[in-house]
Protein backbone atom coordinates (compact mmCIF):
# COMPACT_ATOMS: atom_id res chain seq x y z
CA MET A 1 114.82 126.60 129.75
CA GLU A 2 118.02 126.43 127.71
CA ARG A 3 121.22 128.20 128.66
CA PRO A 4 122.44 130.61 125.98
CA TYR A 5 125.71 130.01 124.18
CA ALA A 6 128.41 132.06 125.92
CA ALA A 7 129.69 133.75 122.74
CA LEU A 8 126.30 135.08 121.58
CA THR A 9 126.35 138.59 120.18
CA GLU A 10 122.56 138.93 120.34
CA LEU A 11 119.87 137.15 122.35
CA GLU A 12 116.10 137.40 121.99
CA ILE A 13 113.90 135.95 124.70
CA THR A 14 110.32 135.15 123.76
CA SER A 15 107.28 134.35 125.88
CA SER A 16 106.35 131.10 124.13
CA MET A 17 107.45 128.54 121.55
CA HIS A 18 104.91 129.91 119.06
CA THR A 19 106.30 133.42 119.51
CA ARG A 20 109.83 132.03 119.12
CA LYS A 21 108.95 130.24 115.85
CA THR A 22 107.17 133.31 114.50
CA ARG A 23 110.18 135.49 115.33
CA MET A 24 112.61 133.04 113.70
CA PHE A 25 110.37 133.03 110.62
CA GLU A 26 110.37 136.84 110.47
CA LEU A 27 114.17 136.99 110.67
CA ALA A 28 114.92 134.17 108.20
CA ASP A 29 115.37 134.23 104.43
CA ALA A 30 115.70 130.42 104.42
CA PHE A 31 115.65 127.50 106.86
CA ILE A 32 118.30 124.83 107.36
CA THR A 33 117.48 122.03 109.78
CA LEU A 34 120.45 120.51 111.57
CA SER A 35 120.20 117.29 113.53
CA GLY A 36 118.32 117.68 116.77
CA GLY A 37 115.56 116.39 118.99
CA LEU A 38 111.84 116.96 119.41
CA GLY A 39 112.08 120.76 119.31
CA THR A 40 113.96 120.60 116.02
CA LEU A 41 111.39 118.19 114.61
CA ASP A 42 108.55 120.46 115.75
CA GLU A 43 110.11 123.56 114.16
CA THR A 44 110.88 121.70 110.93
CA VAL A 45 107.39 120.29 110.51
CA GLU A 46 105.80 123.64 111.30
CA ILE A 47 107.87 125.58 108.76
CA ILE A 48 107.16 122.92 106.11
CA THR A 49 103.45 123.15 106.96
CA TRP A 50 103.53 126.93 106.66
CA ARG A 51 105.01 126.52 103.19
CA GLN A 52 102.35 123.93 102.29
CA LEU A 53 99.70 126.44 103.35
CA GLY A 54 101.22 129.10 101.09
CA LEU A 55 102.44 131.31 103.94
CA HIS A 56 105.95 131.51 102.48
CA GLU A 57 108.20 130.39 99.64
CA LYS A 58 111.45 130.44 101.61
CA PRO A 59 113.86 127.55 100.98
CA ILE A 60 113.76 124.72 103.51
CA ILE A 61 116.81 122.47 103.62
CA LEU A 62 117.34 119.43 105.83
CA LEU A 63 120.99 118.62 106.47
CA ASP A 64 121.23 114.82 106.50
CA VAL A 65 124.47 114.51 108.46
CA ALA A 66 125.09 110.87 109.42
CA GLY A 67 121.62 109.89 108.14
CA TRP A 68 119.75 112.05 110.67
CA ALA A 69 116.98 112.94 108.18
CA GLN A 70 116.33 109.38 106.97
CA PRO A 71 113.67 108.48 109.59
CA PHE A 72 111.91 111.79 108.86
CA LEU A 73 111.96 111.05 105.12
CA ALA A 74 110.61 107.55 105.79
CA LEU A 75 107.74 109.08 107.77
CA ILE A 76 106.94 111.50 104.92
CA GLU A 77 106.95 108.58 102.45
CA ALA A 78 104.65 106.57 104.74
CA LEU A 79 102.26 109.53 104.95
CA ILE A 80 102.27 109.83 101.15
CA GLU A 81 101.69 106.09 100.71
CA GLY A 82 98.82 106.26 103.22
CA GLY A 83 97.19 109.09 101.29
CA PHE A 84 97.64 111.66 104.06
CA VAL A 85 100.16 113.82 102.18
CA ALA A 86 100.18 114.66 98.48
CA PRO A 87 103.22 113.37 96.56
CA ALA A 88 103.87 116.94 95.35
CA HIS A 89 104.64 117.94 98.94
CA ARG A 90 107.98 116.14 98.67
CA ARG A 91 109.09 119.34 96.91
CA LEU A 92 108.36 121.58 99.90
CA PHE A 93 111.88 120.95 101.19
CA GLU A 94 115.28 119.70 100.02
CA VAL A 95 117.54 117.16 101.70
CA VAL A 96 121.31 117.41 101.31
CA PRO A 97 124.19 115.43 102.81
CA GLY A 98 126.33 118.35 103.90
CA VAL A 99 126.95 122.05 104.36
CA GLU A 100 128.46 122.67 100.91
CA GLU A 101 125.35 121.29 99.18
CA ALA A 102 123.11 123.40 101.42
CA LEU A 103 125.10 126.54 100.60
CA GLU A 104 124.87 125.77 96.89
CA LEU A 105 121.08 125.48 97.13
CA LEU A 106 120.96 128.82 98.93
CA ARG A 107 123.11 130.43 96.23
CA GLN A 108 120.62 129.20 93.60
CA ALA A 109 117.53 130.35 95.53
CA PRO A 110 115.74 133.55 94.53
CA SER A 111 116.59 136.51 96.72
CA PRO A 112 113.91 137.56 99.22
CA GLU A 113 113.34 140.72 97.20
CA THR A 114 112.53 138.76 93.99
CA ALA A 115 110.70 135.79 95.52
CA ALA A 116 106.96 135.55 95.06
CA PRO A 117 105.00 137.20 97.88
CA ALA A 118 103.17 134.87 100.25
CA ALA A 119 100.40 135.30 102.75
CA ARG A 120 101.27 136.95 106.06
CA LEU A 121 101.38 134.88 109.23
């Protein structure tokens, strides 16, 4: 449904959103969520859930530019307070205010070759 960015050097077209998310997962060593809408929220929650389920140990970073992540964090806190999410799941992802902080977290992360293996999708 979306038009591709004109300066793309590579484009993959998938048959469904699930296939798209699986393909992004296969290609990624880490995930950084930028501000976005419902699709971004869906992808972020799914990749956090996959980590919760032990399917991967890849870093997940939410970029909180202009407070974009604050409502999401408030929802997570409400779920924890309601007993629906374990407090330990706060550590499934990191939230940073900008690109430099995100890059620093990535520099500190274990390389994909040395990270603990996880279950296959």
